[in-house]
Amino acid sequence: MANKRDLKKDINYVLGDIIEAVYVWEYSNTDKENTKSEAIIDDAIETFDDLIAKLNAKDVENKKAHFGAIKSDLEVKGRALIERINKLG
């Protein structure tokens, strides 16, 4: 079972790396419009807030299942954000 501290670190690292990748794309493509990339950053921040709120929920009966669901949610949403970065072109 993943503990709360490690899961918080995973959330922070994954979404931080995604935001950093968007900033690198924006820096490398200064001639292109960045409204889509800014939307990706906004969604990454929203995802971060949502996952941290779920992680800090107090009324959890089965912590192992709860943390597992958060970890899989992070993976799904992280992959979706990465796909959006790859489509920026």
N, C-alpha and C. Protein backbone atom coordinates (compact mmCIF):
# COMPACT_ATOMS: atom_id res chain seq x y z
N MET A 1 0.84 -1.18 0.00
CA MET A 1 0.00 0.00 0.00
C MET A 1 0.88 1.24 0.00
N ALA A 2 0.58 2.14 -0.87
CA ALA A 2 1.30 3.41 -0.91
C ALA A 2 0.85 4.26 0.26
N ASN A 3 1.82 4.94 0.86
CA ASN A 3 1.39 5.81 1.96
C ASN A 3 1.08 7.20 1.42
N LYS A 4 0.48 7.99 2.27
CA LYS A 4 -0.02 9.30 1.87
C LYS A 4 1.10 10.21 1.40
N ARG A 5 2.22 10.20 2.08
CA ARG A 5 3.34 11.06 1.73
C ARG A 5 3.89 10.72 0.34
N ASP A 6 4.06 9.44 0.07
CA ASP A 6 4.58 9.03 -1.23
C ASP A 6 3.60 9.35 -2.35
N LEU A 7 2.33 9.20 -2.08
CA LEU A 7 1.32 9.51 -3.09
C LEU A 7 1.28 11.01 -3.39
N LYS A 8 1.44 11.83 -2.35
CA LYS A 8 1.52 13.28 -2.57
C LYS A 8 2.73 13.64 -3.42
N LYS A 9 3.86 12.99 -3.16
CA LYS A 9 5.06 13.23 -3.96
C LYS A 9 4.84 12.83 -5.41
N ASP A 10 4.20 11.67 -5.63
CA ASP A 10 3.92 11.22 -6.99
C ASP A 10 3.05 12.22 -7.74
N ILE A 11 2.00 12.69 -7.08
CA ILE A 11 1.10 13.67 -7.69
C ILE A 11 1.88 14.93 -8.06
N ASN A 12 2.69 15.40 -7.13
CA ASN A 12 3.46 16.61 -7.35
C ASN A 12 4.46 16.45 -8.49
N TYR A 13 5.18 15.34 -8.50
CA TYR A 13 6.19 15.12 -9.53
C TYR A 13 5.57 14.96 -10.92
N VAL A 14 4.53 14.14 -11.02
CA VAL A 14 3.91 13.88 -12.33
C VAL A 14 3.33 15.15 -12.92
N LEU A 15 2.53 15.84 -12.14
CA LEU A 15 1.89 17.03 -12.69
C LEU A 15 2.88 18.18 -12.84
N GLY A 16 3.88 18.24 -11.98
CA GLY A 16 4.94 19.24 -12.14
C GLY A 16 5.73 19.02 -13.42
N ASP A 17 6.03 17.76 -13.72
CA ASP A 17 6.74 17.45 -14.97
C ASP A 17 5.90 17.77 -16.20
N ILE A 18 4.60 17.56 -16.11
CA ILE A 18 3.72 17.88 -17.23
C ILE A 18 3.71 19.39 -17.46
N ILE A 19 3.59 20.16 -16.39
CA ILE A 19 3.60 21.62 -16.53
C ILE A 19 4.94 22.09 -17.07
N GLU A 20 6.02 21.49 -16.61
CA GLU A 20 7.34 21.86 -17.12
C GLU A 20 7.47 21.53 -18.61
N ALA A 21 6.91 20.42 -19.04
CA ALA A 21 6.95 20.05 -20.46
C ALA A 21 6.19 21.07 -21.31
N VAL A 22 5.10 21.57 -20.78
CA VAL A 22 4.33 22.60 -21.51
C VAL A 22 5.15 23.87 -21.62
N TYR A 23 5.81 24.25 -20.53
CA TYR A 23 6.65 25.45 -20.57
C TYR A 23 7.80 25.29 -21.57
N VAL A 24 8.38 24.12 -21.63
CA VAL A 24 9.45 23.86 -22.61
C VAL A 24 8.90 23.97 -24.02
N TRP A 25 7.70 23.43 -24.25
CA TRP A 25 7.08 23.53 -25.58
C TRP A 25 6.84 24.99 -25.93
N GLU A 26 6.31 25.75 -24.98
CA GLU A 26 6.04 27.17 -25.25
C GLU A 26 7.34 27.92 -25.55
N TYR A 27 8.40 27.62 -24.83
CA TYR A 27 9.68 28.28 -25.05
C TYR A 27 10.26 27.91 -26.41
N SER A 28 10.05 26.67 -26.81
CA SER A 28 10.58 26.20 -28.09
C SER A 28 9.75 26.65 -29.28
N ASN A 29 8.51 27.01 -29.04
CA ASN A 29 7.58 27.37 -30.12
C ASN A 29 6.99 28.75 -29.85
N THR A 30 7.83 29.74 -29.79
CA THR A 30 7.37 31.09 -29.48
C THR A 30 6.51 31.68 -30.59
N ASP A 31 6.64 31.14 -31.79
CA ASP A 31 5.88 31.66 -32.92
C ASP A 31 4.45 31.11 -32.98
N LYS A 32 4.13 30.11 -32.17
CA LYS A 32 2.81 29.49 -32.20
C LYS A 32 1.92 30.03 -31.08
N GLU A 33 0.63 29.92 -31.30
CA GLU A 33 -0.36 30.36 -30.32
C GLU A 33 -0.28 29.45 -29.09
N ASN A 34 -0.39 30.03 -27.91
CA ASN A 34 -0.23 29.23 -26.70
C ASN A 34 -1.51 29.10 -25.86
N THR A 35 -2.66 29.32 -26.45
CA THR A 35 -3.90 29.19 -25.69
C THR A 35 -4.17 27.73 -25.32
N LYS A 36 -3.86 26.81 -26.21
CA LYS A 36 -4.05 25.39 -25.91
C LYS A 36 -3.07 24.92 -24.83
N SER A 37 -1.86 25.41 -24.90
CA SER A 37 -0.88 25.00 -23.89
C SER A 37 -1.23 25.57 -22.53
N GLU A 38 -1.74 26.78 -22.50
CA GLU A 38 -2.16 27.37 -21.22
C GLU A 38 -3.35 26.61 -20.65
N ALA A 39 -4.22 26.10 -21.50
CA ALA A 39 -5.35 25.29 -21.04
C ALA A 39 -4.86 23.98 -20.42
N ILE A 40 -3.79 23.42 -20.97
CA ILE A 40 -3.22 22.19 -20.41
C ILE A 40 -2.67 22.47 -19.01
N ILE A 41 -2.00 23.60 -18.84
CA ILE A 41 -1.47 23.97 -17.52
C ILE A 41 -2.61 24.16 -16.53
N ASP A 42 -3.67 24.85 -16.96
CA ASP A 42 -4.82 25.05 -16.09
C ASP A 42 -5.45 23.72 -15.68
N ASP A 43 -5.56 22.79 -16.63
CA ASP A 43 -6.13 21.48 -16.32
C ASP A 43 -5.22 20.68 -15.39
N ALA A 44 -3.91 20.81 -15.56
CA ALA A 44 -2.97 20.12 -14.68
C ALA A 44 -3.10 20.64 -13.25
N ILE A 45 -3.25 21.93 -13.10
CA ILE A 45 -3.41 22.52 -11.76
C ILE A 45 -4.74 22.09 -11.15
N GLU A 46 -5.78 22.05 -11.97
CA GLU A 46 -7.09 21.60 -11.49
C GLU A 46 -7.04 20.13 -11.07
N THR A 47 -6.34 19.32 -11.85
CA THR A 47 -6.17 17.91 -11.51
C THR A 47 -5.41 17.76 -10.20
N PHE A 48 -4.36 18.55 -10.03
CA PHE A 48 -3.57 18.53 -8.80
C PHE A 48 -4.47 18.83 -7.60
N ASP A 49 -5.24 19.91 -7.70
CA ASP A 49 -6.11 20.30 -6.59
C ASP A 49 -7.13 19.20 -6.28
N ASP A 50 -7.70 18.61 -7.32
CA ASP A 50 -8.70 17.57 -7.15
C ASP A 50 -8.11 16.34 -6.47
N LEU A 51 -6.94 15.90 -6.93
CA LEU A 51 -6.32 14.70 -6.36
C LEU A 51 -5.87 14.91 -4.93
N ILE A 52 -5.33 16.08 -4.63
CA ILE A 52 -4.91 16.37 -3.26
C ILE A 52 -6.13 16.42 -2.34
N ALA A 53 -7.23 16.99 -2.81
CA ALA A 53 -8.45 17.02 -2.01
C ALA A 53 -8.95 15.60 -1.73
N LYS A 54 -8.90 14.74 -2.75
CA LYS A 54 -9.30 13.35 -2.54
C LYS A 54 -8.36 12.65 -1.56
N LEU A 55 -7.09 12.93 -1.67
CA LEU A 55 -6.10 12.30 -0.81
C LEU A 55 -6.27 12.71 0.64
N ASN A 56 -6.66 13.95 0.87
CA ASN A 56 -6.82 14.46 2.23
C ASN A 56 -8.20 14.20 2.83
N ALA A 57 -9.03 13.46 2.12
CA ALA A 57 -10.37 13.14 2.63
C ALA A 57 -10.24 12.34 3.93
N LYS A 58 -11.03 12.70 4.91
CA LYS A 58 -10.94 12.07 6.23
C LYS A 58 -11.85 10.85 6.36
N ASP A 59 -12.96 10.82 5.65
CA ASP A 59 -13.94 9.75 5.82
C ASP A 59 -13.68 8.61 4.85
N VAL A 60 -12.59 7.89 5.09
CA VAL A 60 -12.21 6.79 4.20
C VAL A 60 -12.19 5.50 5.02
N GLU A 61 -12.96 4.53 4.56
CA GLU A 61 -13.00 3.26 5.28
C GLU A 61 -11.85 2.35 4.87
N ASN A 62 -11.65 2.19 3.58
CA ASN A 62 -10.60 1.30 3.08
C ASN A 62 -9.52 2.16 2.44
N LYS A 63 -8.48 2.44 3.19
CA LYS A 63 -7.43 3.34 2.70
C LYS A 63 -6.69 2.76 1.51
N LYS A 64 -6.46 1.47 1.51
CA LYS A 64 -5.73 0.85 0.41
C LYS A 64 -6.48 1.03 -0.91
N ALA A 65 -7.77 0.78 -0.91
CA ALA A 65 -8.57 0.95 -2.12
C ALA A 65 -8.67 2.42 -2.51
N HIS A 66 -8.79 3.28 -1.51
CA HIS A 66 -8.88 4.72 -1.77
C HIS A 66 -7.60 5.25 -2.42
N PHE A 67 -6.45 4.88 -1.86
CA PHE A 67 -5.17 5.32 -2.42
C PHE A 67 -4.93 4.70 -3.79
N GLY A 68 -5.35 3.47 -3.98
CA GLY A 68 -5.23 2.83 -5.29
C GLY A 68 -6.05 3.55 -6.35
N ALA A 69 -7.24 3.97 -5.97
CA ALA A 69 -8.10 4.70 -6.91
C ALA A 69 -7.48 6.04 -7.27
N ILE A 70 -6.89 6.71 -6.29
CA ILE A 70 -6.24 7.99 -6.55
C ILE A 70 -5.05 7.80 -7.47
N LYS A 71 -4.27 6.75 -7.22
CA LYS A 71 -3.09 6.49 -8.06
C LYS A 71 -3.49 6.18 -9.50
N SER A 72 -4.54 5.39 -9.69
CA SER A 72 -4.98 5.09 -11.06
C SER A 72 -5.58 6.32 -11.72
N ASP A 73 -6.27 7.16 -10.94
CA ASP A 73 -6.81 8.41 -11.47
C ASP A 73 -5.68 9.33 -11.92
N LEU A 74 -4.61 9.39 -11.14
CA LEU A 74 -3.44 10.18 -11.53
C LEU A 74 -2.85 9.67 -12.84
N GLU A 75 -2.76 8.37 -12.98
CA GLU A 75 -2.21 7.79 -14.19
C GLU A 75 -3.06 8.10 -15.42
N VAL A 76 -4.36 7.96 -15.28
CA VAL A 76 -5.27 8.21 -16.41
C VAL A 76 -5.24 9.68 -16.81
N LYS A 77 -5.37 10.56 -15.82
CA LYS A 77 -5.39 11.99 -16.13
C LYS A 77 -4.02 12.48 -16.61
N GLY A 78 -2.96 11.92 -16.06
CA GLY A 78 -1.62 12.29 -16.50
C GLY A 78 -1.38 11.89 -17.95
N ARG A 79 -1.79 10.70 -18.31
CA ARG A 79 -1.63 10.25 -19.70
C ARG A 79 -2.45 11.12 -20.66
N ALA A 80 -3.64 11.52 -20.23
CA ALA A 80 -4.48 12.36 -21.08
C ALA A 80 -3.81 13.73 -21.29
N LEU A 81 -3.22 14.28 -20.25
CA LEU A 81 -2.53 15.56 -20.40
C LEU A 81 -1.30 15.43 -21.29
N ILE A 82 -0.58 14.34 -21.17
CA ILE A 82 0.60 14.10 -22.01
C ILE A 82 0.19 13.97 -23.47
N GLU A 83 -0.93 13.27 -23.72
CA GLU A 83 -1.43 13.17 -25.09
C GLU A 83 -1.76 14.54 -25.67
N ARG A 84 -2.32 15.41 -24.86
CA ARG A 84 -2.64 16.76 -25.31
C ARG A 84 -1.37 17.55 -25.62
N ILE A 85 -0.33 17.34 -24.83
CA ILE A 85 0.95 18.00 -25.11
C ILE A 85 1.51 17.50 -26.43
N ASN A 86 1.44 16.21 -26.65
CA ASN A 86 1.97 15.63 -27.89
C ASN A 86 1.22 16.13 -29.13
N LYS A 87 -0.04 16.48 -28.97
CA LYS A 87 -0.84 16.96 -30.10
C LYS A 87 -0.65 18.44 -30.38
N LEU A 88 0.09 19.13 -29.51
CA LEU A 88 0.30 20.57 -29.74
C LEU A 88 1.04 20.83 -31.05
N GLY A 89 1.97 19.96 -31.37
CA GLY A 89 2.70 20.05 -32.63
C GLY A 89 3.49 21.24 -32.73
